[in-house]
Amino acid sequence: MTLTNSETGSNLQSVDRALQVLELLAVWGSGGVSELANEIGVHKSTAFRLLGALEAREMVEQLNERGKYRLGFGLVRLARRVNVQHDLAEQARPLTDKLAALVGESINVAVLREHFAVNIVQSRGQASVVSQNWIGQLTPLHATSSGKVLLAYLDAGRRDDLLARGLDRYTGDTHTDTDALRRELTQIADLRYAVSFGELEAGLNAVAVPVRGEDGAVIAALSASGPAYRLGPERVDEVVRRLDSAADDLSRRMGYWGEDG
């Protein structure tokens, strides 16, 4: 469906008003429908609808005093995600630099963003000085080792939603059969690593392992990538061992100490 210019303008205005409400509540501590409506210059019914939408997303919550609102814990979750991602990148950099020197290939840390894996850290080994810069690039989940790791550890419902979008083909080796991919993801969760052999780009191979956060949930994937003639199947065991060691270290830095920690 294509939105008209008037519809787009109306949607942007609604977003702007919702942000104004959040900013006012941040300053005031709490506020009622009428005073918020007056402050942002809208009818009381419009303010009520805005607050209802924000409340549904837990961005605001009602106080015991009916009609009064304050900021909700949904904002805390969003802020925590931002802090975790920034902290993750900061904690990962010295580890990825060291790992790149040991493995000789590009080392990346990727996180889930909507239906993509996005790389937030990259370090290049001596042998990979001409390799592509993947920082900030959105890559398909099913065709990358990092993406497969992130998919493998998602809850079943979210994973089903993502797989339902379809599996695009990028090379002749891209896995586009959903049932086969589901079986591969089960195996990845058991083995605790994923591989991609020429599935995103012909001649480019990669291996990835999970990184966990404080609560044990997988928050990122740590990968090594390089040309097939250097990073072939015969190197997988060696690279996985080095990735595992670095991922364990990074997970500890993010507050995860394992079941016995």
Protein backbone atom coordinates (compact mmCIF):
# COMPACT_ATOMS: atom_id res chain seq x y z
CA MET A 1 0.00 0.00 0.00
CA THR A 2 1.33 3.44 -0.99
CA LEU A 3 0.63 6.35 1.33
CA THR A 4 -0.43 9.72 -0.08
CA ASN A 5 1.50 12.85 0.82
CA SER A 6 -1.29 13.92 3.17
CA GLU A 7 -1.27 10.53 4.91
CA THR A 8 2.51 10.63 5.28
CA GLY A 9 2.31 14.14 6.71
CA SER A 10 -0.39 13.09 9.16
CA ASN A 11 1.66 10.09 10.32
CA LEU A 12 4.75 12.24 10.85
CA GLN A 13 2.69 14.77 12.79
CA SER A 14 1.39 11.98 15.04
CA VAL A 15 4.93 10.75 15.66
CA ASP A 16 6.07 14.28 16.47
CA ARG A 17 3.19 14.77 18.91
CA ALA A 18 3.90 11.44 20.61
CA LEU A 19 7.52 12.49 21.07
CA GLN A 20 6.39 15.81 22.51
CA VAL A 21 4.24 13.93 25.04
CA LEU A 22 7.22 11.81 26.10
CA GLU A 23 9.45 14.86 26.45
CA LEU A 24 6.84 16.69 28.53
CA LEU A 25 6.35 13.74 30.86
CA ALA A 26 10.12 13.49 31.23
CA VAL A 27 10.18 17.10 32.44
CA TRP A 28 6.96 17.09 34.47
CA GLY A 29 7.22 13.63 36.00
CA SER A 30 3.52 13.07 35.34
CA GLY A 31 0.71 14.78 33.50
CA GLY A 32 -2.97 14.57 32.72
CA VAL A 33 -4.71 14.28 29.36
CA SER A 34 -6.06 17.83 29.43
CA GLU A 35 -2.80 19.56 30.33
CA LEU A 36 -0.87 17.52 27.77
CA ALA A 37 -3.45 18.34 25.11
CA ASN A 38 -3.18 22.04 25.90
CA GLU A 39 0.61 21.98 25.84
CA ILE A 40 0.93 20.31 22.43
CA GLY A 41 -2.05 22.15 20.98
CA VAL A 42 -4.45 19.30 20.21
CA HIS A 43 -7.96 18.29 21.22
CA LYS A 44 -8.26 16.22 24.38
CA SER A 45 -9.48 13.21 22.37
CA THR A 46 -6.34 13.34 20.20
CA ALA A 47 -4.11 13.42 23.27
CA PHE A 48 -6.05 10.50 24.73
CA ARG A 49 -5.48 8.44 21.56
CA LEU A 50 -1.76 9.29 21.59
CA LEU A 51 -1.46 8.24 25.23
CA GLY A 52 -3.39 5.05 24.51
CA ALA A 53 -0.97 4.12 21.73
CA LEU A 54 2.03 4.90 23.92
CA GLU A 55 0.53 2.95 26.81
CA ALA A 56 0.01 -0.09 24.56
CA ARG A 57 3.77 -0.02 23.86
CA GLU A 58 4.52 0.54 27.56
CA MET A 59 6.11 3.89 26.75
CA VAL A 60 3.80 5.49 29.32
CA GLU A 61 1.73 4.15 32.18
CA GLN A 62 -1.22 5.43 34.20
CA LEU A 63 -0.79 6.35 37.83
CA ASN A 64 -3.27 5.27 40.48
CA GLU A 65 -4.74 8.71 40.08
CA ARG A 66 -6.96 8.11 37.04
CA GLY A 67 -6.06 10.26 34.04
CA LYS A 68 -2.48 10.92 35.13
CA TYR A 69 0.38 9.43 33.12
CA ARG A 70 4.12 9.02 33.55
CA LEU A 71 6.91 7.47 31.49
CA GLY A 72 6.76 3.68 31.32
CA PHE A 73 9.30 0.88 31.51
CA GLY A 74 9.18 0.35 27.76
CA LEU A 75 11.55 3.30 27.53
CA VAL A 76 13.87 1.65 30.01
CA ARG A 77 14.05 -1.44 27.78
CA LEU A 78 14.89 0.69 24.75
CA ALA A 79 17.56 2.61 26.66
CA ARG A 80 19.03 -0.62 27.95
CA ARG A 81 19.32 -1.98 24.43
CA VAL A 82 21.17 1.13 23.30
CA ASN A 83 23.53 0.94 26.27
CA VAL A 84 24.12 -2.78 25.74
CA GLN A 85 24.96 -2.29 22.07
CA HIS A 86 27.36 0.58 22.79
CA ASP A 87 28.95 -1.36 25.64
CA LEU A 88 29.15 -4.46 23.47
CA ALA A 89 31.07 -2.62 20.76
CA GLU A 90 33.42 -1.06 23.30
CA GLN A 91 34.11 -4.35 25.06
CA ALA A 92 34.48 -6.29 21.81
CA ARG A 93 37.05 -4.11 20.06
CA PRO A 94 40.23 -5.25 21.89
CA LEU A 95 39.12 -8.88 21.62
CA THR A 96 38.33 -8.69 17.90
CA ASP A 97 41.62 -6.92 17.18
CA LYS A 98 43.54 -9.68 18.94
CA LEU A 99 41.48 -12.41 17.29
CA ALA A 100 41.97 -10.92 13.82
CA ALA A 101 45.72 -11.02 14.35
CA LEU A 102 45.54 -14.68 15.45
CA VAL A 103 43.20 -15.91 12.72
CA GLY A 104 44.41 -13.61 9.97
CA GLU A 105 40.88 -12.90 8.72
CA SER A 106 38.17 -10.29 9.25
CA ILE A 107 36.44 -10.57 12.62
CA ASN A 108 32.97 -9.09 13.06
CA VAL A 109 30.41 -8.70 15.82
CA ALA A 110 26.83 -8.61 14.57
CA VAL A 111 23.50 -7.99 16.29
CA LEU A 112 19.90 -8.52 15.21
CA ARG A 113 18.09 -5.52 13.76
CA GLU A 114 14.56 -6.19 12.53
CA HIS A 115 15.05 -8.95 9.93
CA PHE A 116 18.76 -8.37 9.33
CA ALA A 117 22.10 -8.96 11.00
CA VAL A 118 24.05 -5.70 11.30
CA ASN A 119 27.76 -5.59 12.01
CA ILE A 120 28.76 -3.17 14.76
CA VAL A 121 32.45 -4.09 15.10
CA GLN A 122 35.02 -5.22 12.55
CA SER A 123 38.73 -5.95 12.92
CA ARG A 124 40.90 -7.02 10.03
CA GLY A 125 43.74 -9.50 10.13
CA GLN A 126 46.95 -8.98 8.21
CA ALA A 127 45.79 -11.24 5.40
CA SER A 128 42.49 -9.37 5.00
CA VAL A 129 43.67 -5.80 4.49
CA VAL A 130 41.67 -5.46 1.27
CA SER A 131 38.50 -7.08 2.57
CA GLN A 132 35.15 -5.27 2.54
CA ASN A 133 34.09 -2.98 5.36
CA TRP A 134 30.91 -4.53 6.81
CA ILE A 135 30.33 -1.99 9.61
CA GLY A 136 26.72 -0.85 9.66
CA GLN A 137 25.71 -3.03 6.73
CA LEU A 138 22.46 -4.97 6.96
CA THR A 139 23.03 -8.57 5.91
CA PRO A 140 20.46 -11.35 5.41
CA LEU A 141 20.04 -13.69 8.34
CA HIS A 142 19.75 -16.92 6.36
CA ALA A 143 22.80 -16.34 4.14
CA THR A 144 25.41 -15.38 6.75
CA SER A 145 27.01 -17.30 9.59
CA SER A 146 26.24 -14.49 12.05
CA GLY A 147 22.64 -14.30 10.90
CA LYS A 148 22.18 -18.05 11.30
CA VAL A 149 23.50 -17.90 14.86
CA LEU A 150 21.10 -15.07 15.70
CA LEU A 151 18.21 -17.01 14.13
CA ALA A 152 19.10 -20.27 15.85
CA TYR A 153 18.78 -18.80 19.33
CA LEU A 154 15.60 -16.76 18.80
CA ASP A 155 12.36 -17.84 20.40
CA ALA A 156 10.34 -20.02 18.02
CA GLY A 157 7.61 -17.46 17.39
CA ARG A 158 9.98 -14.67 16.37
CA ARG A 159 12.02 -17.06 14.24
CA ASP A 160 8.88 -18.27 12.44
CA ASP A 161 7.90 -14.67 11.69
CA LEU A 162 11.30 -13.94 10.20
CA LEU A 163 11.41 -17.11 8.11
CA ALA A 164 7.92 -16.42 6.82
CA ARG A 165 9.33 -13.40 4.97
CA GLY A 166 10.96 -15.78 2.50
CA LEU A 167 14.57 -16.66 1.73
CA ASP A 168 16.17 -14.69 -1.09
CA ARG A 169 18.87 -16.29 -3.20
CA TYR A 170 22.22 -14.46 -3.43
CA THR A 171 24.43 -17.15 -4.95
CA GLY A 172 24.03 -20.70 -6.19
CA ASP A 173 24.93 -21.88 -2.66
CA THR A 174 22.34 -19.82 -0.75
CA HIS A 175 20.01 -22.00 1.32
CA THR A 176 16.47 -21.07 0.28
CA ASP A 177 14.52 -24.11 1.49
CA THR A 178 12.81 -23.09 4.75
CA ASP A 179 12.47 -26.64 6.12
CA ALA A 180 16.13 -27.38 5.40
CA LEU A 181 17.12 -24.13 7.08
CA ARG A 182 15.08 -25.00 10.17
CA ARG A 183 16.98 -28.29 10.44
CA GLU A 184 20.26 -26.42 10.01
CA LEU A 185 19.31 -23.96 12.76
CA THR A 186 18.55 -26.83 15.15
CA GLN A 187 21.99 -28.25 14.41
CA ILE A 188 23.59 -24.84 14.94
CA ALA A 189 21.99 -24.54 18.39
CA ASP A 190 23.38 -27.99 19.26
CA LEU A 191 26.89 -27.38 17.86
CA ARG A 192 27.00 -23.72 19.00
CA TYR A 193 28.48 -22.45 15.75
CA ALA A 194 27.33 -21.72 12.20
CA VAL A 195 29.05 -21.65 8.82
CA SER A 196 28.34 -19.93 5.53
CA PHE A 197 30.25 -21.18 2.51
CA GLY A 198 29.70 -18.83 -0.40
CA GLU A 199 26.05 -18.25 0.51
CA LEU A 200 26.12 -14.44 0.49
CA GLU A 201 28.98 -13.87 -1.93
CA ALA A 202 30.64 -16.48 -4.11
CA GLY A 203 34.06 -17.33 -2.72
CA LEU A 204 33.42 -15.76 0.69
CA ASN A 205 33.24 -18.12 3.69
CA ALA A 206 32.46 -17.36 7.33
CA VAL A 207 32.14 -19.04 10.73
CA ALA A 208 30.25 -17.59 13.71
CA VAL A 209 29.53 -18.37 17.38
CA PRO A 210 27.06 -16.84 19.87
CA VAL A 211 27.79 -14.11 22.41
CA ARG A 212 25.59 -14.01 25.52
CA GLY A 213 24.39 -11.22 27.74
CA GLU A 214 23.94 -11.01 31.48
CA ASP A 215 20.77 -13.12 31.49
CA GLY A 216 22.25 -15.81 29.24
CA ALA A 217 20.33 -14.77 26.13
CA VAL A 218 22.28 -14.56 22.88
CA ILE A 219 22.83 -10.86 22.14
CA ALA A 220 25.30 -11.04 19.26
CA ALA A 221 27.30 -13.26 16.96
CA LEU A 222 31.09 -13.24 16.69
CA SER A 223 32.36 -14.28 13.26
CA ALA A 224 35.44 -14.78 11.16
CA SER A 225 35.20 -14.36 7.39
CA GLY A 226 37.60 -14.69 4.51
CA PRO A 227 38.10 -16.02 1.00
CA ALA A 228 37.33 -19.69 0.45
CA TYR A 229 40.92 -20.49 -0.48
CA ARG A 230 42.05 -19.39 3.01
CA LEU A 231 38.99 -20.14 5.13
CA GLY A 232 37.82 -23.54 3.96
CA PRO A 233 36.06 -26.40 5.78
CA GLU A 234 39.42 -27.76 6.95
CA ARG A 235 39.93 -24.64 9.12
CA VAL A 236 36.50 -24.65 10.78
CA ASP A 237 37.52 -26.51 13.94
CA GLU A 238 40.55 -24.30 14.51
CA VAL A 239 38.64 -21.07 13.91
CA VAL A 240 35.68 -22.15 16.06
CA ARG A 241 38.04 -22.83 18.99
CA ARG A 242 39.48 -19.33 18.75
CA LEU A 243 36.05 -17.75 18.28
CA ASP A 244 34.65 -19.68 21.25
CA SER A 245 37.43 -18.48 23.51
CA ALA A 246 36.92 -14.84 22.48
CA ALA A 247 33.11 -15.14 22.68
CA ASP A 248 33.36 -16.55 26.20
CA ASP A 249 35.54 -13.62 27.19
CA LEU A 250 33.16 -11.11 25.60
CA SER A 251 30.15 -12.78 27.22
CA ARG A 252 31.81 -12.46 30.63
CA ARG A 253 32.50 -8.81 29.96
CA MET A 254 28.78 -8.43 29.23
CA GLY A 255 27.96 -10.00 32.61
CA TYR A 256 27.43 -13.65 31.67
CA TRP A 257 29.33 -16.22 33.69
CA GLY A 258 27.56 -19.39 32.64
CA GLU A 259 25.39 -21.69 34.70
CA ASP A 260 28.02 -21.94 37.40
CA GLY A 261 28.94 -18.25 37.37
